[in-house]
Amino acid sequence: MNNQIFITATGTDVGKTFISALLVKTAREHGINCGYFKPVLSGALIKDGKLWAGDCEYVKETAKLDIETKKLSSYVFEQAVSPHLAARMNNVSIDLEKIKSDYAGIKANYDYMLTEGAGGIICPVEITEKRTLLLEDIIKSITNDVIIVSQSGLGSINSAVLTVKYAQSKGINVKGIILNNFDKNDVMHRDNLEQIKKLTGCKILCTVETGAKTLNLNKEELLGFFK
């Protein structure tokens, strides 16, 4: 059993952190010892003179994880830009080995791990004259299995299909898709679900309504995400 899953998305502000928090929360409510990690976070706030990793704090509080927030991410940047640019602006070199080491330290405390990426699937983490580090490199260093978070409204078919096809072209296994901000009463949302499922060949793992507090998933379904 792999016991690890990576959450990516069709783009920025699609709801990765919201979905990640609900997944970890629901898993733990079912008695699954699930942890969380976000390798690189940009767009942090300043709180009491220090960088505040809001995404990590949100997941921690939602899922009631007993761990220091600062341990949940290897790199935290204030600038709300792509990680590669944030790293450059702070004169920081992102070390994949540090990410792997930090992740292993967190993973030792949990039976299952959910890792959240930054931005969409094609997210540059560091670009220099010597190398290009992309989100897919981080994914493959942790697990080859991803769940893709997609919006449900206009444009979702195109972005979901492109994201799945790109991931698969890189040898990444797409376990399925979660549709966020889904309105079952919206005919377009319902049709988008059917077309995304048909055109990608991927399972729609669940739909999540705006502001949901939990996920309608049983323990066996959740465990299946990690297998």
Protein backbone atom coordinates (compact mmCIF):
# COMPACT_ATOMS: atom_id res chain seq x y z
CA MET A 1 0.00 0.00 0.00
CA ASN A 2 1.32 3.39 -1.00
CA ASN A 3 -0.42 5.35 1.79
CA GLN A 4 0.39 8.66 0.09
CA ILE A 5 -1.54 10.97 -2.20
CA PHE A 6 -0.68 14.31 -3.81
CA ILE A 7 -3.33 17.00 -4.34
CA THR A 8 -2.89 19.18 -7.40
CA ALA A 9 -5.34 21.27 -9.40
CA THR A 10 -6.34 22.66 -12.75
CA GLY A 11 -5.04 26.08 -11.71
CA THR A 12 -4.52 28.59 -8.94
CA ASP A 13 -7.34 29.41 -6.50
CA VAL A 14 -9.33 26.34 -7.50
CA GLY A 15 -9.58 25.17 -3.89
CA LYS A 16 -6.69 22.77 -3.21
CA THR A 17 -6.25 23.89 0.40
CA PHE A 18 -9.99 23.78 1.10
CA ILE A 19 -10.27 20.26 -0.35
CA SER A 20 -7.05 19.09 1.32
CA ALA A 21 -8.34 20.26 4.70
CA LEU A 22 -11.65 18.46 4.22
CA LEU A 23 -9.94 15.27 3.08
CA VAL A 24 -7.60 15.15 6.07
CA LYS A 25 -10.40 16.16 8.45
CA THR A 26 -12.82 13.54 7.13
CA ALA A 27 -10.13 10.86 7.13
CA ARG A 28 -9.25 11.57 10.74
CA GLU A 29 -12.93 11.57 11.72
CA HIS A 30 -13.05 8.04 10.31
CA GLY A 31 -10.12 7.02 12.51
CA ILE A 32 -7.52 7.21 9.74
CA ASN A 33 -4.22 8.61 11.04
CA CYS A 34 -3.65 11.03 8.16
CA GLY A 35 -1.10 13.84 8.05
CA TYR A 36 -0.52 16.82 5.78
CA PHE A 37 2.40 18.56 4.08
CA LYS A 38 2.80 21.44 1.63
CA PRO A 39 6.36 21.59 0.23
CA VAL A 40 6.32 25.19 -1.00
CA LEU A 41 3.91 27.98 -0.06
CA SER A 42 3.86 31.47 -1.54
CA GLY A 43 1.48 34.24 -0.61
CA ALA A 44 2.02 33.99 3.15
CA LEU A 45 0.95 36.82 5.41
CA ILE A 46 2.99 38.67 8.02
CA LYS A 47 1.69 37.98 11.53
CA ASP A 48 3.45 39.31 14.64
CA GLY A 49 6.44 40.14 12.47
CA LYS A 50 6.76 36.60 11.13
CA LEU A 51 5.66 34.80 7.99
CA TRP A 52 2.34 33.09 8.58
CA ALA A 53 1.69 30.02 6.46
CA GLY A 54 -2.06 30.50 6.25
CA ASP A 55 -2.77 27.45 4.07
CA CYS A 56 -0.96 25.14 6.45
CA GLU A 57 -2.60 26.74 9.47
CA TYR A 58 -6.03 26.34 7.88
CA VAL A 59 -5.53 22.63 7.23
CA LYS A 60 -4.04 22.12 10.69
CA GLU A 61 -6.97 23.79 12.44
CA THR A 62 -9.64 22.22 10.24
CA ALA A 63 -8.25 18.70 10.62
CA LYS A 64 -7.15 19.23 14.25
CA LEU A 65 -3.57 18.19 13.62
CA ASP A 66 -1.35 18.32 16.69
CA ILE A 67 1.80 19.68 15.05
CA GLU A 68 3.61 23.00 14.70
CA THR A 69 2.48 24.86 11.59
CA LYS A 70 6.06 25.68 10.60
CA LYS A 71 6.80 21.97 10.18
CA LEU A 72 4.12 21.58 7.53
CA SER A 73 6.05 23.37 4.78
CA SER A 74 9.69 23.46 3.70
CA TYR A 75 9.57 26.90 2.06
CA VAL A 76 7.25 29.79 2.87
CA PHE A 77 7.33 33.05 0.90
CA GLU A 78 5.41 36.28 1.39
CA GLN A 79 5.01 37.16 -2.28
CA ALA A 80 1.82 35.83 -3.88
CA VAL A 81 3.58 34.71 -7.06
CA SER A 82 4.76 31.45 -8.57
CA PRO A 83 7.23 29.64 -6.26
CA HIS A 84 10.09 30.00 -8.75
CA LEU A 85 9.69 33.80 -8.75
CA ALA A 86 9.16 34.00 -4.99
CA ALA A 87 12.36 32.00 -4.45
CA ARG A 88 14.26 34.29 -6.82
CA MET A 89 12.91 37.41 -5.13
CA ASN A 90 14.12 36.09 -1.77
CA ASN A 91 17.45 34.84 -3.10
CA VAL A 92 16.56 31.31 -2.01
CA SER A 93 17.44 28.08 -3.78
CA ILE A 94 14.80 25.40 -3.34
CA ASP A 95 16.40 22.11 -2.41
CA LEU A 96 14.46 18.99 -3.38
CA GLU A 97 16.43 16.94 -0.87
CA LYS A 98 15.30 19.26 1.94
CA ILE A 99 11.69 18.81 0.85
CA LYS A 100 12.09 15.04 0.82
CA SER A 101 13.74 15.09 4.25
CA ASP A 102 11.09 17.37 5.77
CA TYR A 103 8.37 15.21 4.29
CA ALA A 104 9.91 12.03 5.69
CA GLY A 105 10.04 13.65 9.13
CA ILE A 106 6.32 14.41 9.02
CA LYS A 107 5.39 11.07 7.46
CA ALA A 108 6.98 9.17 10.36
CA ASN A 109 4.12 10.35 12.59
CA TYR A 110 1.25 9.22 10.37
CA ASP A 111 -0.05 6.10 8.66
CA TYR A 112 -1.27 8.07 5.65
CA MET A 113 -0.08 11.31 4.09
CA LEU A 114 -1.71 13.95 1.93
CA THR A 115 0.59 16.46 0.22
CA GLU A 116 -0.70 19.65 -1.36
CA GLY A 117 1.02 21.26 -4.30
CA ALA A 118 1.27 24.90 -5.33
CA GLY A 119 -0.75 26.35 -8.21
CA GLY A 120 -1.68 24.00 -11.02
CA ILE A 121 0.06 20.90 -12.33
CA ILE A 122 2.49 22.93 -14.47
CA CYS A 123 3.94 25.00 -11.67
CA PRO A 124 7.60 26.09 -11.83
CA VAL A 125 9.22 25.71 -8.43
CA GLU A 126 12.67 26.96 -9.37
CA ILE A 127 14.10 28.03 -12.72
CA THR A 128 17.75 28.95 -13.10
CA GLU A 129 20.34 28.73 -15.85
CA LYS A 130 21.43 25.40 -14.40
CA ARG A 131 18.12 23.67 -13.80
CA THR A 132 14.36 23.69 -13.97
CA LEU A 133 12.45 22.24 -11.02
CA LEU A 134 8.75 21.77 -11.63
CA LEU A 135 5.89 20.61 -9.45
CA GLU A 136 5.93 17.27 -11.24
CA ASP A 137 9.46 16.68 -9.92
CA ILE A 138 8.23 17.16 -6.36
CA ILE A 139 5.25 14.89 -7.01
CA LYS A 140 7.46 12.09 -8.29
CA SER A 141 9.83 12.45 -5.33
CA ILE A 142 6.95 11.78 -2.93
CA THR A 143 4.37 9.65 -4.74
CA ASN A 144 3.28 9.10 -8.30
CA ASP A 145 -0.43 9.25 -7.44
CA VAL A 146 -2.40 12.49 -7.69
CA ILE A 147 -5.93 13.70 -7.17
CA ILE A 148 -6.87 16.69 -9.30
CA VAL A 149 -9.11 19.42 -7.90
CA SER A 150 -11.21 21.18 -10.51
CA GLN A 151 -13.79 23.91 -10.47
CA SER A 152 -17.29 22.93 -11.64
CA GLY A 153 -18.38 25.89 -13.75
CA LEU A 154 -17.66 27.38 -17.15
CA GLY A 155 -14.25 26.36 -18.55
CA SER A 156 -13.89 23.36 -16.27
CA ILE A 157 -13.98 20.79 -19.07
CA ASN A 158 -11.04 22.32 -20.90
CA SER A 159 -8.87 22.84 -17.81
CA ALA A 160 -9.63 19.40 -16.35
CA VAL A 161 -8.93 17.52 -19.57
CA LEU A 162 -5.67 19.42 -20.21
CA THR A 163 -4.49 18.82 -16.63
CA VAL A 164 -5.21 15.09 -16.79
CA LYS A 165 -3.56 14.69 -20.18
CA TYR A 166 -0.46 16.59 -19.08
CA ALA A 167 -0.11 14.57 -15.87
CA GLN A 168 -0.49 11.30 -17.74
CA SER A 169 2.04 12.39 -20.38
CA LYS A 170 4.57 12.78 -17.54
CA GLY A 171 3.86 9.29 -16.22
CA ILE A 172 1.83 10.53 -13.24
CA ASN A 173 -1.08 8.35 -12.16
CA VAL A 174 -4.33 10.30 -11.83
CA LYS A 175 -6.42 8.60 -9.17
CA GLY A 176 -9.42 10.77 -9.92
CA ILE A 177 -10.94 14.23 -9.90
CA ILE A 178 -12.76 16.21 -7.22
CA LEU A 179 -15.13 18.91 -8.42
CA ASN A 180 -15.17 21.90 -6.08
CA ASN A 181 -17.98 24.46 -5.67
CA PHE A 182 -20.38 21.99 -7.27
CA ASP A 183 -24.06 22.91 -7.45
CA LYS A 184 -26.21 19.85 -8.17
CA ASN A 185 -29.04 22.16 -9.25
CA ASP A 186 -26.92 23.76 -11.98
CA VAL A 187 -27.38 21.97 -15.31
CA MET A 188 -23.97 23.13 -16.53
CA HIS A 189 -22.24 21.72 -13.45
CA ARG A 190 -23.97 18.37 -13.92
CA ASP A 191 -23.08 18.28 -17.60
CA ASN A 192 -19.48 19.33 -16.92
CA LEU A 193 -19.17 16.39 -14.53
CA GLU A 194 -20.34 13.95 -17.20
CA GLN A 195 -18.14 15.42 -19.93
CA ILE A 196 -15.02 15.54 -17.74
CA LYS A 197 -15.56 11.92 -16.76
CA LYS A 198 -16.11 10.88 -20.38
CA LEU A 199 -13.25 12.86 -21.93
CA THR A 200 -10.62 12.03 -19.30
CA GLY A 201 -11.64 8.48 -18.48
CA CYS A 202 -11.05 9.38 -14.84
CA LYS A 203 -13.33 8.75 -11.91
CA ILE A 204 -15.06 11.70 -10.28
CA LEU A 205 -14.16 10.89 -6.70
CA CYS A 206 -16.66 13.31 -5.20
CA THR A 207 -18.31 16.67 -5.64
CA VAL A 208 -18.00 19.37 -2.98
CA GLU A 209 -20.49 22.18 -2.53
CA THR A 210 -19.35 25.70 -1.69
CA GLY A 211 -18.57 26.06 2.01
CA ALA A 212 -18.87 22.34 2.79
CA LYS A 213 -17.84 21.33 6.30
CA THR A 214 -17.16 17.67 5.58
CA LEU A 215 -17.09 15.20 2.70
CA ASN A 216 -19.71 12.56 1.99
CA LEU A 217 -17.15 9.76 1.83
CA ASN A 218 -16.95 6.61 3.90
CA LYS A 219 -13.78 5.13 5.33
CA GLU A 220 -13.33 2.58 2.55
CA GLU A 221 -13.66 5.25 -0.14
CA LEU A 222 -11.06 7.44 1.57
CA LEU A 223 -8.64 4.58 2.04
CA GLY A 224 -9.06 3.80 -1.65
CA PHE A 225 -7.57 7.18 -2.53
CA PHE A 226 -4.27 6.10 -0.96
CA LYS A 227 -4.03 2.62 -2.51
